[in-house]
Each structure stands twice: as C-alpha cells, then as structure tokens.
C-alpha cells in the first residue's frame, strides 16, 4: 500500500484516466480510489498506448459515437484503441482529502493556507508555536529546490516540509532547508497506508517535529504577568458559552499546552476543533496576545493562583474553572440560557 507516494510524483498534474491510475497504483488502486480519487465529468484528450511504445493516442469521437484512440507516432506504428466513455473519463486526485488524512495521522492542528507556491500548500500547524506544516508534490529535483527556496524566503525560519518521497531532495535543497532551520520529511517513510486508505504515523509528530520548534520567547516582565493573570481570573465569570468555556479552553491550550485538536478531545463535553479555534481567537483578542505568547506565562499564572487560592483542585464533572471552581456550580436554567449561542458557534 505504499505505491501511492511514488504515483503522486509521477504525474505533472492531479488528473488522469483510470488506466493511468491503475498502472501507477497496481493492486492498491481500489483502496486509494475510494478515499482519494474523484471521478470528474471531464473527458481526456489522449489515452496511453497499449502497445508498449509509451506514446499517447489522440482521442477521437466519431459521428456514430464510437470513441477511438489514434496513434500519434511518426510514422504511425501502433494500432488504434477502441474506447468507452468510462475509459476516457478523467479521475482527479483529492489533495484536500490527503492533507486531512496526513494531519489526522500526525495528530496536529488543521490549517489550510495558500502559499502562492506551485503544487504546495500549508495543511497544518504543530506545537505551541503553531509551526507551519507544508505539503508539496513535485515531479523533479529542480521544482522541489525552487519550492524550498521560495518557502525559505517567504516564511523565514521554522517550518516542516512534507513530500511524498525524498527522491527529489538534493544537497542543494538540504542546504536551503538547514539555513531556514526547517525540517523535511517524506511521507513514504513516515506514514503507512492502511488497507482502507487511512494513514497511520510510524512515529509521533512530537518526536519528529519538535527539534524544529523555535526557541521560547524571553522571560516576561512581572507587571505584564500580573495583567495576564488578572484577565485569566476574569474568564471564570464569562457565562456566554455552555460548551468550551473560555476558562476551560485557556486551561487546556495555555496552561497545559495542548494543541487545539487535543483540546477538543479533552474538553468536557468533547467538542469539534472548530469550536476550540473560535474560543482561541476570542481569548487572543481579550488578552491582546497569541496563545503561543500566553503559554510563556503558564508558570507565573500557576504560582499566582496558588498564592491566591491555594493548591489547585482536581477537575470536577461538568467542567473545571481553574480560577474559581465554585463559579461552575450554576443552575440548569443558566446552562440552557446559552444553548442558542453555542449552537451558533458550532
């Protein structure tokens, strides 16, 4: 089930007729097709030769509806191919489905972004620094080197670059990546394609990607830490949300340093990552700082909280407010009052 990776680097584009995909994927075609290939309504202009000469036959549709693949060799040396409408239908590879499967396998945060670089896109973020995870699918060494140079110039330092294989990675590209303090990983080595088309990471993202995380920011001033702690304490009085309360999201993403995807799983009750993302944006707006920056205050917040309220209490069913646990003991009327707002958030 590893033919997928080399197949992606064997085509100059994401579309081809079924015969081409079957030749590239072999016995893996059915598993890959059910997850990553979409049948389009477009028809091909050419069809691969069946005689072994590797030419492309021009597709001609006659007045009677007969479809024929006509040899383009000079002089003509291959027999014409009789084709059906299904034969000439184009199948498109679903890169978004692949990106989602990769991010799920590595358990990172999904983040889709157009970088303006050919056949290259940000698909996720890793760690407290939200380090970009970028997927590129190239078909030769020169195009991969161009992508690396572009990313180094646009993003600066600290990103993860994923490619189907490492066969196009040259010493020149490696030098550019080193200068940008960026990591390169080939999916062929890092992921296993399961029989159902899903992907499974052979090594956890924390082990693979952590060496490329940027260094933490410099220690923070005491006055700013006190300001952040004061805002943190006020989060407990925010009653607008029934699910993913701001105080709980702050606890998970800042004090515990969890990714948004992991925070969604830990949230009580469990919620979708998109809802956590909405809460994170709200927190960042209130504090005037990014989640990454706020994590640098984690130890100061814990110390200040201990001095004010004593040791932190265990989590309780229904959600735990790290600043004021008693604030969570609200009535059922208060809970249902905010249902409509949370439904809109989700």
Protein backbone atom coordinates (compact mmCIF):
# COMPACT_ATOMS: atom_id res chain seq x y z
CA UNK A 1 0.00 0.00 0.00
CA UNK A 2 2.96 2.38 -0.43
CA UNK A 3 2.65 2.90 -4.20
CA UNK A 4 0.55 5.99 -3.58
CA UNK A 5 3.55 8.19 -2.78
CA UNK A 6 5.51 7.50 -5.96
CA UNK A 7 2.35 7.68 -8.04
CA UNK A 8 1.79 11.26 -6.88
CA UNK A 9 5.25 12.27 -8.12
CA UNK A 10 4.84 10.50 -11.47
CA UNK A 11 2.21 12.86 -12.91
CA UNK A 12 2.59 16.52 -13.89
CA UNK A 13 -0.98 17.18 -12.73
CA UNK A 14 -3.67 15.73 -10.44
CA UNK A 15 -5.89 14.31 -13.21
CA UNK A 16 -5.55 11.21 -15.38
CA UNK A 17 -7.72 8.48 -16.88
CA UNK A 18 -8.43 5.39 -14.81
CA UNK A 19 -5.96 3.30 -16.82
CA UNK A 20 -3.08 5.58 -15.79
CA UNK A 21 -4.04 5.49 -12.11
CA UNK A 22 -4.38 1.70 -12.25
CA UNK A 23 -0.95 1.35 -13.82
CA UNK A 24 0.66 3.58 -11.17
CA UNK A 25 -1.16 2.14 -8.16
CA UNK A 26 -1.45 -1.52 -9.19
CA UNK A 27 -3.27 -3.61 -6.60
CA UNK A 28 -3.63 -0.52 -4.38
CA UNK A 29 -5.95 1.23 -6.85
CA UNK A 30 -9.26 0.25 -5.22
CA UNK A 31 -8.21 1.30 -1.71
CA UNK A 32 -6.75 4.60 -2.90
CA UNK A 33 -9.64 5.34 -5.26
CA UNK A 34 -12.32 5.05 -2.58
CA UNK A 35 -10.68 7.75 -0.47
CA UNK A 36 -8.53 9.97 -2.67
CA UNK A 37 -9.77 9.78 -6.29
CA UNK A 38 -12.83 11.64 -7.57
CA UNK A 39 -14.40 10.81 -10.92
CA UNK A 40 -14.97 14.03 -12.86
CA UNK A 41 -17.28 14.92 -15.74
CA UNK A 42 -14.32 15.93 -17.89
CA UNK A 43 -13.05 13.82 -20.79
CA UNK A 44 -9.42 13.20 -21.69
CA UNK A 45 -7.81 14.32 -24.94
CA UNK A 46 -5.33 11.46 -25.02
CA UNK A 47 -5.01 7.87 -23.87
CA UNK A 48 -1.89 5.83 -23.01
CA UNK A 49 -0.67 3.43 -25.70
CA UNK A 50 -1.34 -0.26 -25.06
CA UNK A 51 1.49 -1.48 -27.31
CA UNK A 52 4.37 -0.63 -25.03
CA UNK A 53 5.79 2.28 -27.04
CA UNK A 54 4.73 4.81 -24.37
CA UNK A 55 3.12 7.18 -26.87
CA UNK A 56 -0.18 8.96 -26.15
CA UNK A 57 -3.08 8.21 -28.51
CA UNK A 58 -5.25 11.13 -29.54
CA UNK A 59 -8.88 10.53 -28.61
CA UNK A 60 -11.33 10.91 -31.50
CA UNK A 61 -15.12 10.64 -31.20
CA UNK A 62 -16.83 9.71 -34.49
CA UNK A 63 -20.27 10.83 -35.58
CA UNK A 64 -21.73 7.45 -34.67
CA UNK A 65 -20.49 7.85 -31.09
CA UNK A 66 -17.57 5.46 -31.41
CA UNK A 67 -14.51 6.57 -29.43
CA UNK A 68 -11.07 5.69 -30.75
CA UNK A 69 -7.53 6.32 -29.54
CA UNK A 70 -5.47 7.18 -32.65
CA UNK A 71 -1.70 6.63 -32.70
CA UNK A 72 0.40 9.81 -32.92
CA UNK A 73 3.71 8.15 -33.81
CA UNK A 74 5.55 9.31 -36.92
CA UNK A 75 5.28 7.11 -38.88
CA UNK A 76 2.17 5.55 -37.33
CA UNK A 77 3.17 2.24 -35.75
CA UNK A 78 0.51 1.38 -33.16
CA UNK A 79 -2.99 0.07 -33.65
CA UNK A 80 -5.96 2.29 -32.84
CA UNK A 81 -7.66 1.64 -29.50
CA UNK A 82 -11.43 1.23 -29.17
CA UNK A 83 -12.54 3.10 -26.05
CA UNK A 84 -15.67 3.56 -23.95
CA UNK A 85 -16.88 6.79 -22.27
CA UNK A 86 -15.67 5.38 -18.92
CA UNK A 87 -12.19 4.83 -20.39
CA UNK A 88 -11.77 8.49 -21.32
CA UNK A 89 -13.27 9.94 -18.11
CA UNK A 90 -10.73 11.84 -16.02
CA UNK A 91 -10.15 10.98 -12.36
CA UNK A 92 -8.82 13.74 -10.10
CA UNK A 93 -6.70 13.21 -7.02
CA UNK A 94 -8.26 14.83 -3.94
CA UNK A 95 -5.36 16.66 -2.31
CA UNK A 96 -7.58 18.07 0.45
CA UNK A 97 -8.58 14.55 1.50
CA UNK A 98 -4.91 13.57 1.57
CA UNK A 99 -3.98 16.65 3.61
CA UNK A 100 -6.70 15.86 6.15
CA UNK A 101 -5.54 12.25 6.44
CA UNK A 102 -1.93 13.37 6.99
CA UNK A 103 -2.88 15.82 9.74
CA UNK A 104 -5.07 13.23 11.46
CA UNK A 105 -2.26 10.68 11.33
CA UNK A 106 0.20 13.11 12.93
CA UNK A 107 -2.47 14.48 15.33
CA UNK A 108 -1.62 18.08 14.53
CA UNK A 109 -3.88 21.09 14.07
CA UNK A 110 -5.53 21.53 10.68
CA UNK A 111 -4.66 24.80 8.98
CA UNK A 112 -5.27 25.30 5.29
CA UNK A 113 -3.35 28.07 3.55
CA UNK A 114 -2.41 29.05 0.01
CA UNK A 115 1.27 30.00 -0.04
CA UNK A 116 1.41 31.08 -3.66
CA UNK A 117 3.94 28.33 -4.43
CA UNK A 118 3.19 25.77 -7.19
CA UNK A 119 1.73 22.44 -6.02
CA UNK A 120 2.42 23.47 -2.42
CA UNK A 121 0.07 24.31 0.45
CA UNK A 122 0.09 24.68 4.21
CA UNK A 123 -2.03 21.89 5.66
CA UNK A 124 -1.47 22.18 9.39
CA UNK A 125 0.36 23.60 12.38
CA UNK A 126 2.41 21.94 15.10
CA UNK A 127 3.18 22.77 18.70
CA UNK A 128 2.74 25.83 20.84
CA UNK A 129 4.45 27.93 18.19
CA UNK A 130 1.92 26.84 15.54
CA UNK A 131 4.84 25.92 13.31
CA UNK A 132 3.61 25.58 9.69
CA UNK A 133 3.29 22.08 8.22
CA UNK A 134 3.51 22.29 4.44
CA UNK A 135 2.81 19.65 1.81
CA UNK A 136 4.44 19.84 -1.61
CA UNK A 137 4.09 17.41 -4.52
CA UNK A 138 6.75 17.93 -7.18
CA UNK A 139 7.94 15.85 -10.14
CA UNK A 140 11.66 16.62 -10.34
CA UNK A 141 14.60 17.91 -8.29
CA UNK A 142 14.62 21.40 -9.81
CA UNK A 143 10.96 22.05 -8.98
CA UNK A 144 11.48 20.87 -5.38
CA UNK A 145 14.53 23.11 -4.99
CA UNK A 146 12.50 26.06 -6.27
CA UNK A 147 9.78 25.34 -3.70
CA UNK A 148 12.29 25.11 -0.84
CA UNK A 149 13.90 28.41 -1.87
CA UNK A 150 10.50 30.13 -2.10
CA UNK A 151 9.37 28.86 1.30
CA UNK A 152 12.63 29.87 2.96
CA UNK A 153 12.28 33.38 1.55
CA UNK A 154 8.60 33.80 2.42
CA UNK A 155 8.33 32.05 5.78
CA UNK A 156 11.75 32.71 7.24
CA UNK A 157 12.82 30.17 9.84
CA UNK A 158 10.98 27.23 11.30
CA UNK A 159 8.62 25.10 9.23
CA UNK A 160 8.02 21.46 8.34
CA UNK A 161 8.04 20.44 4.67
CA UNK A 162 6.38 17.16 3.68
CA UNK A 163 6.75 15.47 0.29
CA UNK A 164 5.59 12.06 -0.95
CA UNK A 165 9.18 10.74 -1.23
CA UNK A 166 12.73 12.00 -0.76
CA UNK A 167 13.95 11.02 -4.24
CA UNK A 168 13.99 14.67 -5.45
CA UNK A 169 15.75 16.04 -2.36
CA UNK A 170 19.24 17.19 -3.38
CA UNK A 171 22.17 18.50 -1.39
CA UNK A 172 21.29 22.00 -2.58
CA UNK A 173 17.73 21.71 -1.21
CA UNK A 174 19.05 20.29 2.06
CA UNK A 175 21.37 23.28 2.44
CA UNK A 176 18.46 25.68 1.93
CA UNK A 177 16.38 23.81 4.49
CA UNK A 178 19.22 23.88 7.00
CA UNK A 179 19.61 27.63 6.58
CA UNK A 180 15.89 28.08 7.22
CA UNK A 181 16.01 25.72 10.23
CA UNK A 182 13.26 23.73 8.55
CA UNK A 183 12.63 20.00 8.67
CA UNK A 184 11.97 17.79 5.64
CA UNK A 185 10.08 14.50 5.93
CA UNK A 186 9.00 12.10 3.21
CA UNK A 187 5.58 10.52 3.68
CA UNK A 188 6.79 7.24 2.22
CA UNK A 189 8.96 6.73 5.32
CA UNK A 190 6.75 8.40 7.93
CA UNK A 191 3.28 7.06 7.12
CA UNK A 192 1.71 3.70 6.43
CA UNK A 193 -1.27 3.48 4.06
CA UNK A 194 -3.79 1.11 5.64
CA UNK A 195 -6.00 -1.24 3.55
CA UNK A 196 -8.96 1.15 3.94
CA UNK A 197 -6.91 4.07 2.60
CA UNK A 198 -6.40 5.75 6.00
CA UNK A 199 -2.92 6.83 7.07
CA UNK A 200 -1.03 5.82 10.21
CA UNK A 201 2.06 7.59 11.55
CA UNK A 202 5.04 5.36 12.29
CA UNK A 203 6.46 7.95 14.71
CA UNK A 204 4.52 10.57 16.67
CA UNK A 205 4.71 14.15 15.46
CA UNK A 206 6.12 15.29 18.80
CA UNK A 207 9.18 13.13 18.28
CA UNK A 208 9.61 14.01 14.60
CA UNK A 209 8.91 17.73 14.55
CA UNK A 210 9.92 19.05 18.00
CA UNK A 211 13.60 19.60 17.06
CA UNK A 212 12.50 22.30 14.60
CA UNK A 213 10.38 24.34 17.00
CA UNK A 214 11.65 27.91 17.54
CA UNK A 215 13.09 28.84 20.89
CA UNK A 216 10.71 30.24 23.50
CA UNK A 217 10.37 33.96 23.93
CA UNK A 218 12.45 35.81 26.52
CA UNK A 219 11.24 35.91 30.14
CA UNK A 220 8.32 38.26 30.69
CA UNK A 221 8.06 41.28 32.91
CA UNK A 222 6.30 40.85 36.26
CA UNK A 223 3.80 43.64 35.57
CA UNK A 224 2.67 42.03 32.33
CA UNK A 225 2.38 38.65 34.04
CA UNK A 226 0.10 40.19 36.68
CA UNK A 227 -2.05 41.78 33.96
CA UNK A 228 -2.43 38.42 32.20
CA UNK A 229 -3.27 36.70 35.49
CA UNK A 230 -5.97 39.29 36.20
CA UNK A 231 -7.56 38.68 32.80
CA UNK A 232 -7.28 34.94 33.33
CA UNK A 233 -9.21 35.25 36.61
CA UNK A 234 -11.97 37.17 34.85
CA UNK A 235 -12.52 34.35 32.35
CA UNK A 236 -14.34 32.34 35.02
CA UNK A 237 -17.15 34.91 35.15
CA UNK A 238 -17.82 34.63 31.40
CA UNK A 239 -21.16 32.79 31.15
CA UNK A 240 -21.82 33.24 27.41
CA UNK A 241 -20.83 29.72 26.42
CA UNK A 242 -22.23 26.39 27.56
CA UNK A 243 -19.62 24.30 25.72
CA UNK A 244 -15.89 25.05 25.60
CA UNK A 245 -15.95 27.80 28.19
CA UNK A 246 -13.16 30.31 27.81
CA UNK A 247 -11.59 29.41 31.16
CA UNK A 248 -11.52 25.73 30.20
CA UNK A 249 -10.03 26.41 26.78
CA UNK A 250 -7.38 28.64 28.42
CA UNK A 251 -6.57 25.83 30.84
CA UNK A 252 -6.15 23.29 28.06
CA UNK A 253 -4.38 25.33 25.40
CA UNK A 254 -2.28 27.67 27.57
CA UNK A 255 -1.65 26.10 30.97
CA UNK A 256 -1.50 22.52 29.66
CA UNK A 257 -0.02 23.50 26.29
CA UNK A 258 -2.30 21.20 24.27
CA UNK A 259 -2.94 21.57 20.55
CA UNK A 260 -6.40 22.73 19.55
CA UNK A 261 -7.22 19.24 18.23
CA UNK A 262 -6.19 17.61 21.52
CA UNK A 263 -8.01 20.30 23.50
CA UNK A 264 -11.20 19.48 21.59
CA UNK A 265 -10.86 15.85 22.67
CA UNK A 266 -10.20 16.77 26.31
CA UNK A 267 -12.96 19.38 26.51
CA UNK A 268 -15.92 18.40 28.72
CA UNK A 269 -18.13 17.65 26.90
CA UNK A 270 -15.94 16.80 23.91
CA UNK A 271 -16.37 19.28 21.04
CA UNK A 272 -15.19 19.90 17.50
CA UNK A 273 -11.79 21.54 16.83
CA UNK A 274 -13.54 24.42 15.04
CA UNK A 275 -15.26 25.45 18.26
CA UNK A 276 -11.92 25.47 20.10
CA UNK A 277 -10.46 27.62 17.31
CA UNK A 278 -13.27 30.13 17.79
CA UNK A 279 -12.62 30.27 21.55
CA UNK A 280 -8.87 30.66 20.96
CA UNK A 281 -9.49 33.67 18.73
CA UNK A 282 -11.68 35.19 21.43
CA UNK A 283 -9.03 34.62 24.10
CA UNK A 284 -6.31 36.14 21.92
CA UNK A 285 -8.50 39.19 21.31
CA UNK A 286 -9.22 39.69 25.01
CA UNK A 287 -5.59 39.28 26.07
CA UNK A 288 -4.02 41.05 23.12
CA UNK A 289 -1.58 38.15 22.77
CA UNK A 290 -1.36 34.93 20.82
CA UNK A 291 -1.83 31.57 22.54
CA UNK A 292 1.84 30.88 21.88
CA UNK A 293 2.81 34.05 23.77
CA UNK A 294 0.39 33.34 26.62
CA UNK A 295 1.98 29.93 27.21
CA UNK A 296 5.09 31.74 28.41
CA UNK A 297 3.04 32.94 31.41
CA UNK A 298 1.92 29.44 32.43
CA UNK A 299 4.32 29.02 35.37
CA UNK A 300 3.67 32.57 36.66
CA UNK A 301 -0.11 32.02 36.49
CA UNK A 302 0.13 28.78 38.46
CA UNK A 303 2.29 30.43 41.13
CA UNK A 304 -0.04 33.44 41.46
CA UNK A 305 -3.10 31.20 41.55
CA UNK A 306 -1.60 29.08 44.32
CA UNK A 307 -0.79 32.16 46.40
CA UNK A 308 -4.38 33.44 45.99
CA UNK A 309 -6.43 30.25 46.30
CA UNK A 310 -4.07 27.56 47.48
CA UNK A 311 -3.23 24.34 45.58
CA UNK A 312 -5.35 23.68 42.51
CA UNK A 313 -8.29 21.32 42.99
CA UNK A 314 -8.96 18.26 40.83
CA UNK A 315 -11.25 18.56 37.83
CA UNK A 316 -14.91 18.01 38.53
CA UNK A 317 -17.60 16.64 36.31
CA UNK A 318 -19.24 19.28 34.13
CA UNK A 319 -16.04 21.28 33.64
CA UNK A 320 -13.48 22.81 35.97
CA UNK A 321 -12.80 26.51 36.29
CA UNK A 322 -9.11 26.81 37.16
CA UNK A 323 -9.50 30.27 38.66
CA UNK A 324 -12.80 29.95 40.57
CA UNK A 325 -14.10 26.38 40.80
CA UNK A 326 -17.25 27.43 42.60
CA UNK A 327 -18.33 29.51 39.59
CA UNK A 328 -19.08 26.31 37.69
CA UNK A 329 -21.87 25.36 40.08
CA UNK A 330 -24.50 27.19 38.11
CA UNK A 331 -28.15 26.23 37.78
CA UNK A 332 -29.74 24.30 34.90
CA UNK A 333 -31.57 27.49 33.94
CA UNK A 334 -28.26 29.27 33.43
CA UNK A 335 -26.98 26.39 31.34
CA UNK A 336 -29.95 26.28 28.97
CA UNK A 337 -29.95 30.05 28.67
CA UNK A 338 -26.84 29.93 26.50
CA UNK A 339 -27.73 26.93 24.31
CA UNK A 340 -28.67 29.01 21.31
CA UNK A 341 -25.37 30.87 21.33
CA UNK A 342 -23.30 27.69 21.44
CA UNK A 343 -25.28 26.12 18.64
CA UNK A 344 -24.41 29.14 16.53
CA UNK A 345 -20.72 28.77 17.44
CA UNK A 346 -20.70 25.17 16.32
